[in-house]
Structure formats: structure tokens, C-alpha cells
Protein backbone atom coordinates (compact mmCIF):
# COMPACT_ATOMS: atom_id res chain seq x y z
CA MET A 1 80.60 89.51 80.50
CA PRO A 2 82.24 88.74 83.85
CA ASP A 3 82.35 85.07 84.59
CA THR A 4 83.19 82.98 87.61
CA MET A 5 84.91 79.66 86.92
CA ARG A 6 86.06 76.76 89.02
CA GLU A 7 89.17 75.05 87.68
CA ARG A 8 91.35 72.30 89.12
CA ALA A 9 94.69 71.14 87.78
CA PRO A 10 95.75 67.50 87.73
CA GLY A 11 98.52 66.54 90.12
CA ALA A 12 97.78 69.39 92.49
CA SER A 13 98.80 67.29 95.50
CA LEU A 14 102.44 67.40 94.34
CA LEU A 15 102.48 71.10 95.13
CA SER A 16 102.43 70.41 98.86
CA ALA A 17 106.05 69.21 98.90
CA GLY A 18 109.00 71.24 100.18
CA PHE A 19 110.43 74.10 98.16
CA ALA A 20 113.39 72.13 96.82
CA GLY A 21 111.19 69.25 95.70
CA LEU A 22 108.72 71.57 94.06
CA ALA A 23 111.40 72.95 91.81
CA THR A 24 112.17 69.55 90.29
CA MET A 25 108.91 67.58 90.45
CA ASP A 26 107.37 69.06 87.31
CA ALA A 27 109.74 69.78 84.48
CA ARG A 28 106.87 71.31 82.50
CA GLN A 29 107.13 74.55 84.51
CA ARG A 30 103.49 75.30 83.79
CA LEU A 31 103.72 78.97 84.80
CA LEU A 32 106.96 79.68 82.97
CA GLY A 33 107.30 83.38 82.27
CA ARG A 34 104.09 84.36 84.07
CA LYS A 35 104.25 87.21 86.56
CA ILE A 36 101.71 86.53 89.32
CA LEU A 37 100.76 89.06 91.99
CA VAL A 38 100.69 87.62 95.52
CA THR A 39 98.75 89.87 97.89
CA ARG A 40 98.74 87.94 101.16
CA PRO A 41 100.17 89.56 104.31
CA ARG A 42 103.95 89.42 104.07
CA GLU A 43 104.29 86.82 106.83
CA GLN A 44 102.00 84.42 104.92
CA ALA A 45 103.06 85.09 101.33
CA ALA A 46 106.17 82.91 101.20
CA GLY A 47 104.42 79.56 100.74
CA LEU A 48 102.29 80.67 97.79
CA ALA A 49 105.19 82.58 96.24
CA ALA A 50 107.43 79.50 96.46
CA ARG A 51 104.82 77.29 94.81
CA ILE A 52 104.41 79.77 91.95
CA ALA A 53 108.19 79.96 91.50
CA ALA A 54 108.42 76.15 91.52
CA GLU A 55 106.13 76.11 88.48
CA GLY A 56 108.37 78.58 86.66
CA GLY A 57 106.31 81.66 87.46
CA GLU A 58 107.60 84.93 88.87
CA PRO A 59 105.74 85.83 92.07
CA VAL A 60 105.40 89.54 92.76
CA VAL A 61 104.63 90.08 96.45
CA PHE A 62 102.56 93.16 97.29
CA PRO A 63 100.65 92.69 100.58
CA LEU A 64 97.21 94.29 100.56
CA LEU A 65 96.83 93.73 104.30
CA GLU A 66 99.37 94.67 106.93
CA ILE A 67 99.13 92.70 110.16
CA ALA A 68 100.22 93.92 113.58
CA PRO A 69 99.45 93.03 117.20
CA ALA A 70 96.37 94.71 118.67
CA ARG A 71 97.23 98.08 120.16
CA ASP A 72 95.31 97.22 123.32
CA GLN A 73 96.47 93.89 124.73
CA GLY A 74 94.13 94.15 127.71
CA PRO A 75 91.23 92.12 126.23
CA LEU A 76 93.60 89.30 125.25
CA GLN A 77 95.09 89.19 128.73
CA ALA A 78 91.64 89.17 130.29
CA ALA A 79 90.65 86.24 128.07
CA ILE A 80 93.78 84.34 129.08
CA ASP A 81 93.02 84.95 132.76
CA ARG A 82 89.56 83.38 132.42
CA LEU A 83 90.36 80.80 129.74
CA ASP A 84 89.18 77.92 131.92
CA THR A 85 85.66 79.37 131.98
CA TYR A 86 85.15 78.73 128.25
CA SER A 87 83.99 75.53 126.58
CA LEU A 88 85.01 76.46 123.03
CA ALA A 89 87.65 78.72 121.48
CA ILE A 90 87.41 79.64 117.79
CA PHE A 91 90.37 80.91 115.77
CA ILE A 92 89.31 82.93 112.72
CA SER A 93 92.66 82.84 110.89
CA PRO A 94 96.33 81.87 111.19
CA ASN A 95 96.95 85.44 112.34
CA ALA A 96 94.51 84.91 115.18
CA VAL A 97 96.52 81.87 116.26
CA ASP A 98 99.90 83.58 116.00
CA HIS A 99 98.75 86.65 117.90
CA SER A 100 97.07 84.78 120.75
CA ILE A 101 98.57 81.37 121.44
CA PRO A 102 102.13 82.56 122.24
CA ALA A 103 100.66 84.84 124.92
CA VAL A 104 98.59 81.96 126.30
CA LEU A 105 101.51 79.53 126.39
CA ALA A 106 103.77 82.11 128.01
CA GLU A 107 101.55 81.85 131.10
CA ARG A 108 100.00 78.39 131.03
CA ARG A 109 99.31 75.30 128.93
CA TRP A 110 96.22 75.09 126.77
CA PRO A 111 93.39 73.70 128.95
CA ASP A 112 92.19 70.21 128.06
CA ASP A 113 88.55 71.19 128.61
CA VAL A 114 88.55 74.01 126.05
CA GLN A 115 87.83 72.68 122.58
CA ALA A 116 89.71 74.55 119.83
CA LEU A 117 87.99 75.21 116.50
CA ALA A 118 89.38 76.78 113.34
CA LEU A 119 87.91 77.98 110.07
CA GLY A 120 90.54 76.52 107.78
CA PRO A 121 93.60 74.29 107.36
CA GLY A 122 96.03 77.19 107.77
CA SER A 123 94.77 77.88 111.29
CA VAL A 124 94.75 74.15 112.10
CA ALA A 125 98.38 73.90 111.00
CA ARG A 126 99.41 76.87 113.16
CA LEU A 127 97.62 75.40 116.20
CA LEU A 128 99.40 72.08 115.64
CA ALA A 129 102.70 73.96 115.48
CA TYR A 130 102.01 75.23 119.00
CA GLY A 131 101.15 71.74 120.24
CA ILE A 132 97.35 72.06 120.17
CA GLU A 133 96.34 68.87 118.38
CA ASP A 134 92.63 68.47 119.17
CA VAL A 135 91.16 70.96 116.70
CA MET A 136 87.78 70.85 114.96
CA ALA A 137 87.42 72.45 111.53
CA PRO A 138 85.17 72.17 108.46
CA SER A 139 86.23 69.54 105.97
CA ARG A 140 84.98 71.42 102.92
CA ARG A 141 84.47 75.19 102.51
CA HIS A 142 86.40 77.15 105.09
CA ASP A 143 84.16 79.98 106.28
CA SER A 144 81.88 80.90 109.15
CA GLU A 145 78.82 79.41 107.48
CA THR A 146 80.44 76.00 107.14
CA LEU A 147 81.98 76.13 110.62
CA LEU A 148 78.51 76.74 112.03
CA GLU A 149 77.37 73.43 110.53
CA LEU A 150 79.60 71.46 112.93
CA PRO A 151 77.55 69.45 115.46
CA VAL A 152 79.32 71.06 118.40
CA LEU A 153 77.99 74.49 117.33
CA GLN A 154 74.36 73.48 116.90
CA LYS A 155 71.84 75.01 119.30
CA ALA A 156 71.35 71.80 121.27
CA SER A 157 75.10 71.61 121.94
CA VAL A 158 76.15 75.24 122.29
CA ALA A 159 73.26 76.82 124.22
CA GLY A 160 74.45 78.05 127.60
CA ARG A 161 78.12 77.42 126.83
CA ARG A 162 80.80 80.09 126.83
CA VAL A 163 82.56 80.62 123.50
CA LEU A 164 85.72 82.67 122.92
CA ILE A 165 86.49 83.97 119.42
CA PHE A 166 90.05 85.08 118.59
CA ARG A 167 90.02 87.40 115.58
CA GLY A 168 91.32 90.65 114.08
CA ASN A 169 89.80 94.10 114.30
CA GLY A 170 86.57 94.61 112.40
CA GLY A 171 85.31 91.89 110.10
CA ARG A 172 81.93 90.18 109.92
CA GLU A 173 79.83 89.64 113.05
CA PHE A 174 77.92 86.76 111.48
CA LEU A 175 79.64 84.02 113.49
CA SER A 176 79.27 85.67 116.90
CA GLU A 177 75.70 86.81 116.22
CA THR A 178 74.61 83.35 115.07
CA LEU A 179 76.15 81.67 118.12
CA ARG A 180 74.42 84.15 120.43
CA ALA A 181 71.13 83.44 118.66
CA ARG A 182 71.71 79.76 119.42
CA GLY A 183 72.07 80.55 123.11
CA ALA A 184 75.85 80.70 123.52
CA VAL A 185 77.61 83.30 125.65
CA VAL A 186 80.17 84.74 123.24
CA ASP A 187 83.24 86.90 123.86
CA CYS A 188 85.29 88.24 120.94
CA VAL A 189 88.92 89.24 121.36
CA ALA A 190 90.68 91.30 118.69
CA CYS A 191 94.23 90.04 119.12
CA TYR A 192 95.61 91.60 115.93
CA GLN A 193 94.81 94.49 113.65
CA ARG A 194 94.67 94.76 109.88
CA SER A 195 95.42 97.86 107.85
CA ALA A 196 95.78 98.72 104.18
CA PRO A 197 99.10 99.77 102.61
CA THR A 198 99.46 103.48 101.96
CA ASN A 199 101.64 103.50 98.83
CA ALA A 200 100.26 101.77 95.75
CA LEU A 201 102.62 103.40 93.23
CA PRO A 202 104.76 100.27 92.62
CA LEU A 203 101.64 98.21 91.96
CA ALA A 204 100.04 100.89 89.78
CA THR A 205 103.21 101.01 87.69
CA LEU A 206 103.12 97.25 87.14
CA LEU A 207 99.47 97.38 86.09
CA CYS A 208 99.90 100.31 83.72
CA THR A 209 102.92 98.74 81.99
CA ASP A 210 101.26 95.34 81.48
CA ALA A 211 103.90 93.75 83.68
CA LEU A 212 101.51 91.33 85.41
CA ASP A 213 99.79 88.26 83.99
CA ALA A 214 97.44 87.46 86.89
CA LEU A 215 96.53 88.32 90.46
CA THR A 216 95.76 86.21 93.52
CA ILE A 217 93.65 87.63 96.35
CA SER A 218 92.67 85.72 99.48
CA SER A 219 90.18 88.00 101.24
CA SER A 220 87.37 90.38 100.41
CA GLU A 221 89.01 93.05 102.56
CA ALA A 222 92.21 92.82 100.51
CA LEU A 223 90.22 93.15 97.28
CA ARG A 224 88.43 96.23 98.57
CA ASN A 225 91.78 97.71 99.65
CA LEU A 226 93.15 97.12 96.16
CA PHE A 227 90.35 99.01 94.44
CA GLU A 228 90.47 101.85 96.95
CA LEU A 229 94.23 102.29 96.46
CA LEU A 230 94.03 102.71 92.68
CA ASP A 231 92.61 105.49 90.52
CA ASP A 232 90.00 104.88 87.82
CA GLU A 233 92.50 104.44 84.99
CA VAL A 234 94.51 101.80 86.84
CA ARG A 235 91.35 100.03 87.99
CA GLY A 236 90.48 99.65 84.33
CA GLU A 237 93.76 97.81 83.73
CA LEU A 238 93.15 95.67 86.80
CA ARG A 239 89.70 94.57 85.62
CA THR A 240 91.16 92.96 82.48
CA LEU A 241 93.57 90.63 84.30
CA PRO A 242 92.59 87.13 85.46
CA LEU A 243 91.96 87.14 89.19
CA PHE A 244 92.31 83.90 91.19
CA VAL A 245 90.44 83.71 94.49
CA PRO A 246 89.83 80.91 97.03
CA HIS A 247 86.29 81.73 98.14
CA HIS A 248 82.95 82.37 96.45
CA ARG A 249 82.35 85.57 98.46
CA ILE A 250 85.56 87.11 97.06
CA ALA A 251 84.57 85.97 93.56
CA GLU A 252 81.15 87.61 93.89
CA LEU A 253 82.72 90.87 95.08
CA ALA A 254 85.25 90.82 92.23
CA THR A 255 82.48 90.33 89.69
CA ALA A 256 80.49 93.18 91.26
CA LEU A 257 83.59 95.40 90.95
CA GLY A 258 83.80 94.67 87.25
CA VAL A 259 86.66 92.15 87.09
CA GLN A 260 86.17 90.34 83.80
CA ARG A 261 87.94 87.02 84.49
CA VAL A 262 87.45 85.57 87.97
CA VAL A 263 88.70 82.05 88.70
CA LEU A 264 87.48 80.35 91.88
CA SER A 265 90.04 77.88 93.28
CA GLU A 266 90.19 75.45 96.15
CA PRO A 267 90.81 77.34 99.44
CA THR A 268 94.53 76.56 99.88
CA ASP A 269 97.86 77.61 98.37
CA ASP A 270 97.87 74.32 96.48
CA GLY A 271 94.40 75.11 95.15
CA LEU A 272 95.39 78.56 93.92
CA VAL A 273 98.48 77.22 92.15
CA ALA A 274 96.52 74.32 90.66
CA SER A 275 94.02 76.78 89.17
CA LEU A 276 96.82 78.99 87.86
CA CYS A 277 98.43 75.98 86.18
CA ALA A 278 95.15 74.78 84.69
CA TYR A 279 94.15 78.20 83.34
CA ARG A 280 93.99 78.43 79.54
CA GLY A 281 92.80 82.00 79.11
CA TRP A 282 96.18 83.75 79.11
CA SER A 283 96.23 86.64 76.68
């Protein structure tokens, strides 16, 4: 029966050190000999791959989402031109930061009166890298539901205020719809686009030859892409491998798709590696 577990490894905080330190901090090499699939977009896979390698594992990078700038840059430029008219700006992901802030800073500094908000620590870190230090974000789960619990986004605070959401193409409308229901005037700007890879043969070969020990997936869209790329026989192989995910929504989707071993981790690279290291169900 499919099961969803939450596991945490001791000493997980050590995994946040630099790559060189990670290689020597833990002589136990807790993932020694394990081949772990890393499916993040290529630009964001290096950190997780390095942490897996530092624990003795062999990361296999196969991005299930390809990220590119939005084809139409007009909406982003229009948002930059009227940036001072907004009270709040929400960044859905690190990609949203990297595909919007450079364009903003090329023309002007970030306005002091526009409060930046982010869903998770990755986006906060990218904003800090661009010099935007005053950022609000949830302190626990990193999703739209938790972001909407912040006092600044409650109806009494947000009604009548203009809110700008930087995001990718498609995705859920829950955040924008909820803010509009609370009386905010919301504009959404798709500053980047996501697409699925077109050639899954290398991955299918790995799955059919039992060359992988586990998979990590960081978004529901990536998980759907994975199942759509594979035929029924290869999906059967996939369902038997342990799958490590950082959010309950991904875990629920994986279970619905028939994955037999789903491990829910903390929502960071450190959390994923901690769960991999703590796992005792290797076959």
C-alpha cells in the first residue's frame, strides 16, 4: 500500500556548508553507492547534486522542467514602468526572481515603498543576492496557503492595495484569486516559461536497467511531466522506487499516481538530503 512518510536525519544543518566542507564533514558517507535522480531545472540542480555527492551518493541530473525567459517581455516591462503604483510584490519562485529583478535593476532601484514577499527560502536568498533585503516569507511550509496567512495579506491589510505577482506561465491561480477575494487589485506577470523535456530515453534506460536507487522531485508539474514522458512499462519501474518530495501536495499526487514509497522531507535541499540519509527502506 502506498505510504507517505516524514523523516528527518540528525545533523542536517551540517549539509548547508560549502561543497568542499561537505565532502569532509561526515566520513560516514551515508549515501555511498546510491544513485539519486535530481530533477530540478538545470540552473537549480547543482546545490542538491553537490549535497548528495558530499554524502557519497551519485547524483544523476535529469531536469523535468526547462526554464526560459517569457517569449513576450511586454508585460514585464509594463510592470516595471508602473512599479511605484504597487504596495506589494510577490515572487513565486527563484526563477521568478532571476527573470524579473535583473530587468528591474537595469532601469531603476527597487522602490522602498514596495514590500517584497516570497514563498520560500530559495526566493528570499535570490532577492538578497540582488540587494533586496526587506523580504517577508512564511517561516514554516512554503506555499501559497501559508503565504496567505501572513498579516500583511489579510483582508484588513490588503483590501484596496495593488499587488504584483511575478511567476511563470500557467500554474495555480489560488494565490491571485484569494487576494482578489480579499479586496486587493492583483496583476500577474509571467516573466518566465516552463516546458517539459522532449527526450526521456536516457531516463527510461536508467529505470529499466535498475540503475537508480531513488528519485527527488520538487514540484507537482515536474512529477506530471515525468509520468507523461514514460510508457506504461517504465512507469511500473518508476512506481517501485522511493520518491523524495518537499511538499505534501507532491506527495499526494505521487500516491495518487501509484508510487509505492513516498518520503516527505523538509522543503529545502538540506531537508531532501537529510531524508535521503535517514531512509532505511533501500532494497
